[in-house]
């Protein structure tokens, strides 16, 4: 009588194994495909709510039935636990599927934070490299400026040396030219003096020749009446003039 009563009371849970089997077959195949799978997420959520409602219903019924007796309560607990054990895998599956979205959101959040941190590190590294490049560029510009200054200084020194060398060369050439001109002048003066002495030594003979030429020039043609004689005399005078010119010309060479 008691066993029949218990069986009758347990049937009040109104959740048969066949029903649970159907719910298992129906709900355990549900999947959430991703963040955008709203329809799948809704089906999982709705199914979980159904299973959760059944679980809560069983728990409430258990409390009602346990009030009759301890043995009945134990039987009720056992049946409830058995049913819950059957329902738990389904609920766990549905909770796991439902949590996929939250887990995916968390994964994406962590990934975004990591990417942002990586960007911050890259920006910091880029800034450090840019500062290092700026320092290197400044050093290079300073070195180039120093090199240009040294080259300009050397160029000015070379120009000054070339100017001094040119001035020294010009001075030497000028002194050499002045010396040559002075020596040439002295030599010319010496030669002039020698020529003057020579002219002076030759002066008596030269004067004699010039006096002789003057004498020939002073000769007068006689008065002649015969034209033939006059012609002869004219030719003689022209010959004498040629002789005078010869004497004067050669005398100047002495």
Protein backbone atom coordinates (compact mmCIF):
# COMPACT_ATOMS: atom_id res chain seq x y z
CA UNK A 1 0.00 0.00 0.00
CA UNK A 2 2.83 2.39 0.94
CA UNK A 3 4.85 1.49 -2.19
CA UNK A 4 1.87 2.06 -4.38
CA UNK A 5 1.30 5.33 -2.63
CA UNK A 6 4.88 6.40 -3.18
CA UNK A 7 4.74 5.45 -6.83
CA UNK A 8 1.53 7.36 -7.16
CA UNK A 9 3.00 10.38 -5.42
CA UNK A 10 6.21 10.28 -7.45
CA UNK A 11 4.19 10.39 -10.61
CA UNK A 12 3.12 13.85 -9.47
CA UNK A 13 6.56 15.15 -10.59
CA UNK A 14 4.96 15.03 -14.03
CA UNK A 15 8.35 14.78 -15.75
CA UNK A 16 8.67 11.37 -17.37
CA UNK A 17 11.97 9.91 -18.55
CA UNK A 18 10.60 9.86 -22.06
CA UNK A 19 9.94 13.58 -21.88
CA UNK A 20 13.46 14.22 -20.58
CA UNK A 21 14.83 12.00 -23.36
CA UNK A 22 12.96 14.07 -25.90
CA UNK A 23 14.23 17.31 -24.35
CA UNK A 24 17.76 15.86 -24.35
CA UNK A 25 17.51 14.94 -28.01
CA UNK A 26 16.00 18.34 -28.79
CA UNK A 27 18.23 20.64 -26.73
CA UNK A 28 21.63 18.94 -26.66
CA UNK A 29 22.03 19.57 -30.37
CA UNK A 30 21.60 23.32 -29.94
CA UNK A 31 24.74 25.39 -30.71
CA UNK A 32 25.66 29.08 -30.71
CA UNK A 33 27.72 29.70 -33.86
CA UNK A 34 29.19 33.05 -32.86
CA UNK A 35 28.61 36.60 -31.69
CA UNK A 36 26.21 37.31 -34.51
CA UNK A 37 24.15 34.11 -34.05
CA UNK A 38 21.26 35.83 -32.27
CA UNK A 39 18.75 33.22 -33.35
CA UNK A 40 20.90 30.37 -32.03
CA UNK A 41 21.53 32.25 -28.80
CA UNK A 42 17.79 32.82 -28.34
CA UNK A 43 17.02 29.13 -28.91
CA UNK A 44 19.67 28.11 -26.37
CA UNK A 45 18.40 30.65 -23.88
CA UNK A 46 14.76 29.66 -24.33
CA UNK A 47 15.64 25.97 -24.01
CA UNK A 48 17.65 26.63 -20.87
CA UNK A 49 14.71 28.50 -19.42
CA UNK A 50 12.47 25.47 -20.14
CA UNK A 51 14.94 23.10 -18.46
CA UNK A 52 15.44 25.48 -15.60
CA UNK A 53 11.67 25.77 -15.21
CA UNK A 54 11.37 21.98 -15.13
CA UNK A 55 14.14 21.77 -12.54
CA UNK A 56 12.51 24.40 -10.36
CA UNK A 57 9.17 22.64 -10.82
CA UNK A 58 10.69 19.35 -9.66
CA UNK A 59 12.31 21.04 -6.67
CA UNK A 60 9.01 22.65 -5.69
CA UNK A 61 7.15 19.38 -6.09
CA UNK A 62 9.80 17.67 -3.97
CA UNK A 63 9.17 20.08 -1.15
CA UNK A 64 5.43 19.43 -1.34
CA UNK A 65 5.77 15.69 -1.33
CA UNK A 66 8.38 15.60 1.42
CA UNK A 67 6.02 17.19 3.84
CA UNK A 68 4.02 13.94 4.08
CA UNK A 69 6.76 11.79 5.58
CA UNK A 70 10.46 11.37 5.89
CA UNK A 71 10.47 8.17 3.88
CA UNK A 72 8.36 9.76 1.27
CA UNK A 73 10.65 12.74 1.35
CA UNK A 74 13.68 10.51 0.86
CA UNK A 75 11.96 8.82 -2.03
CA UNK A 76 11.03 12.19 -3.40
CA UNK A 77 14.62 13.42 -2.95
CA UNK A 78 15.98 10.37 -4.64
CA UNK A 79 13.66 10.74 -7.58
CA UNK A 80 14.25 14.45 -7.73
CA UNK A 81 18.01 13.92 -7.68
CA UNK A 82 17.70 11.27 -10.34
CA UNK A 83 15.65 13.56 -12.52
CA UNK A 84 17.94 16.50 -11.80
CA UNK A 85 20.93 14.28 -12.67
CA UNK A 86 19.25 13.62 -15.98
CA UNK A 87 18.46 17.28 -16.47
CA UNK A 88 21.87 18.60 -15.33
CA UNK A 89 23.84 17.53 -18.43
CA UNK A 90 21.24 19.23 -20.59
CA UNK A 91 21.31 22.41 -18.49
CA UNK A 92 25.11 22.34 -18.30
CA UNK A 93 25.29 22.00 -22.05
CA UNK A 94 22.87 24.85 -22.55
CA UNK A 95 24.67 27.03 -19.97
CA UNK A 96 27.98 26.27 -21.65
CA UNK A 97 26.56 27.18 -25.05
CA UNK A 98 25.03 30.33 -23.62
CA UNK A 99 28.33 31.27 -21.98
CA UNK A 100 30.16 30.95 -25.29
CA UNK A 101 29.05 34.44 -26.20
CA UNK A 102 30.29 35.88 -22.91
CA UNK A 103 33.53 33.94 -23.17
CA UNK A 104 33.98 35.10 -26.74
CA UNK A 105 33.28 38.68 -25.66
CA UNK A 106 35.85 38.35 -22.88
CA UNK A 107 38.35 36.81 -25.28
CA UNK A 108 37.82 39.64 -27.75
CA UNK A 109 38.12 42.19 -24.94
CA UNK A 110 41.41 40.67 -23.77
CA UNK A 111 42.63 40.46 -27.35
CA UNK A 112 41.70 44.12 -27.95
CA UNK A 113 43.52 45.13 -24.76
CA UNK A 114 46.58 43.16 -25.85
CA UNK A 115 46.47 44.76 -29.30
CA UNK A 116 46.12 48.21 -27.77
CA UNK A 117 49.03 47.47 -25.41
CA UNK A 118 51.06 46.28 -28.40
CA UNK A 119 50.20 49.51 -30.24
CA UNK A 120 51.29 51.54 -27.20
CA UNK A 121 54.58 49.62 -27.10
CA UNK A 122 55.08 50.11 -30.86
CA UNK A 123 54.37 53.83 -30.55
CA UNK A 124 56.82 54.07 -27.66
CA UNK A 125 59.46 52.17 -29.64
CA UNK A 126 58.82 54.37 -32.68
CA UNK A 127 59.14 57.49 -30.52
CA UNK A 128 62.39 56.18 -29.02
CA UNK A 129 63.74 55.37 -32.50
CA UNK A 130 62.69 58.79 -33.74
CA UNK A 131 64.47 60.45 -30.82
CA UNK A 132 67.57 58.33 -31.43
CA UNK A 133 67.48 59.22 -35.13
CA UNK A 134 67.11 62.89 -34.21
CA UNK A 135 70.13 62.65 -31.90
CA UNK A 136 72.13 60.83 -34.59
CA UNK A 137 71.10 63.42 -37.20
CA UNK A 138 72.17 66.24 -34.87
CA UNK A 139 75.52 64.51 -34.26
CA UNK A 140 75.94 64.02 -38.00
CA UNK A 141 75.12 67.67 -38.70
CA UNK A 142 77.59 68.78 -36.01
CA UNK A 143 80.27 66.50 -37.47
CA UNK A 144 79.57 67.75 -41.00
CA UNK A 145 79.67 71.36 -39.81
CA UNK A 146 82.96 70.71 -38.01
CA UNK A 147 84.37 69.05 -41.13
CA UNK A 148 83.26 71.99 -43.30
CA UNK A 149 84.88 74.41 -40.85
CA UNK A 150 88.11 72.41 -40.91
CA UNK A 151 88.02 72.23 -44.72
CA UNK A 152 87.33 75.98 -44.97
CA UNK A 153 90.15 76.67 -42.51
CA UNK A 154 92.51 74.48 -44.53
CA UNK A 155 91.34 76.17 -47.75
CA UNK A 156 92.07 79.61 -46.30
CA UNK A 157 95.47 78.41 -45.08
CA UNK A 158 96.23 76.98 -48.53
CA UNK A 159 95.07 80.23 -50.17
CA UNK A 160 97.25 82.28 -47.83
CA UNK A 161 100.21 79.99 -48.47
CA UNK A 162 99.60 80.19 -52.23
CA UNK A 163 99.34 83.99 -51.96
CA UNK A 164 102.58 84.15 -49.97
CA UNK A 165 104.29 81.77 -52.41
CA UNK A 166 103.05 83.84 -55.33
CA UNK A 167 104.18 87.06 -53.65
CA UNK A 168 107.57 85.54 -52.89
CA UNK A 169 107.88 84.30 -56.45
CA UNK A 170 106.88 87.73 -57.78
CA UNK A 171 109.39 89.37 -55.39
CA UNK A 172 112.16 87.05 -56.55
CA UNK A 173 111.24 87.58 -60.20
CA UNK A 174 111.08 91.35 -59.66
CA UNK A 175 114.45 91.40 -57.92
CA UNK A 176 115.87 89.17 -60.65
CA UNK A 177 114.44 91.44 -63.36
CA UNK A 178 115.75 94.57 -61.62
CA UNK A 179 119.12 92.88 -61.24
CA UNK A 180 119.13 91.87 -64.92
CA UNK A 181 118.06 95.36 -65.98
CA UNK A 182 120.73 96.92 -63.75
CA UNK A 183 123.36 94.56 -65.13
CA UNK A 184 122.15 95.22 -68.69
CA UNK A 185 122.25 98.96 -68.01
CA UNK A 186 125.76 98.69 -66.61
CA UNK A 187 126.79 96.58 -69.58
CA UNK A 188 125.21 99.08 -71.97
CA UNK A 189 126.97 101.93 -70.20
CA UNK A 190 130.23 99.99 -70.35
CA UNK A 191 129.77 99.27 -74.04
CA UNK A 192 128.91 102.95 -74.63
CA UNK A 193 132.02 103.98 -72.81
CA UNK A 194 134.08 101.53 -74.85
CA UNK A 195 132.46 102.82 -78.05
CA UNK A 196 133.10 106.40 -77.03
CA UNK A 197 136.73 105.57 -76.34
CA UNK A 198 137.01 103.80 -79.66
CA UNK A 199 135.35 106.74 -81.41
CA UNK A 200 137.67 109.08 -79.61
CA UNK A 201 140.69 107.01 -80.67
CA UNK A 202 139.50 107.04 -84.27
CA UNK A 203 138.55 110.68 -84.26
CA UNK A 204 141.73 112.11 -86.03
CA UNK A 205 141.44 109.75 -89.06
CA UNK A 206 137.71 110.23 -89.20
CA UNK A 207 138.09 113.97 -89.14
CA UNK A 208 140.74 113.73 -91.83
CA UNK A 209 138.41 111.74 -94.03
CA UNK A 210 135.53 114.13 -93.37
CA UNK A 211 137.81 117.09 -94.10
CA UNK A 212 138.86 115.36 -97.28
CA UNK A 213 135.21 114.88 -98.20
CA UNK A 214 134.59 118.55 -97.42
CA UNK A 215 137.47 119.52 -99.62
CA UNK A 216 136.06 117.49 -102.49
CA UNK A 217 132.70 119.09 -101.95
CA UNK A 218 134.25 122.55 -102.04
CA UNK A 219 135.84 121.97 -105.46
CA UNK A 220 134.40 124.30 -108.07
CA UNK A 221 133.84 123.38 -111.65
CA UNK A 222 135.89 125.59 -114.02
CA UNK A 223 134.20 127.80 -116.48
CA UNK A 224 134.19 125.92 -119.73
CA UNK A 225 132.90 126.99 -123.08
CA UNK A 226 132.90 123.67 -124.84
CA UNK A 227 129.77 121.69 -124.13
CA UNK A 228 131.58 118.39 -124.33
CA UNK A 229 134.11 119.60 -121.78
CA UNK A 230 131.23 120.82 -119.59
CA UNK A 231 129.64 117.39 -119.78
CA UNK A 232 132.89 115.77 -118.75
CA UNK A 233 133.27 118.18 -115.85
CA UNK A 234 129.64 117.49 -114.69
CA UNK A 235 130.24 113.78 -114.78
CA UNK A 236 133.39 114.25 -112.79
CA UNK A 237 131.51 116.33 -110.21
CA UNK A 238 128.83 113.63 -109.89
CA UNK A 239 131.56 111.04 -109.41
CA UNK A 240 133.16 113.24 -106.75
CA UNK A 241 129.79 113.53 -104.96
CA UNK A 242 129.49 109.76 -104.92
CA UNK A 243 132.98 109.59 -103.47
CA UNK A 244 132.04 112.21 -100.84
CA UNK A 245 128.95 110.22 -99.86
CA UNK A 246 131.03 107.06 -99.64
CA UNK A 247 133.62 108.71 -97.43
CA UNK A 248 130.96 110.18 -95.11
CA UNK A 249 129.06 106.91 -94.91
CA UNK A 250 132.10 104.78 -94.16
CA UNK A 251 133.50 107.33 -91.74
CA UNK A 252 130.35 107.06 -89.59
CA UNK A 253 131.06 103.35 -89.26
CA UNK A 254 134.42 103.99 -87.65
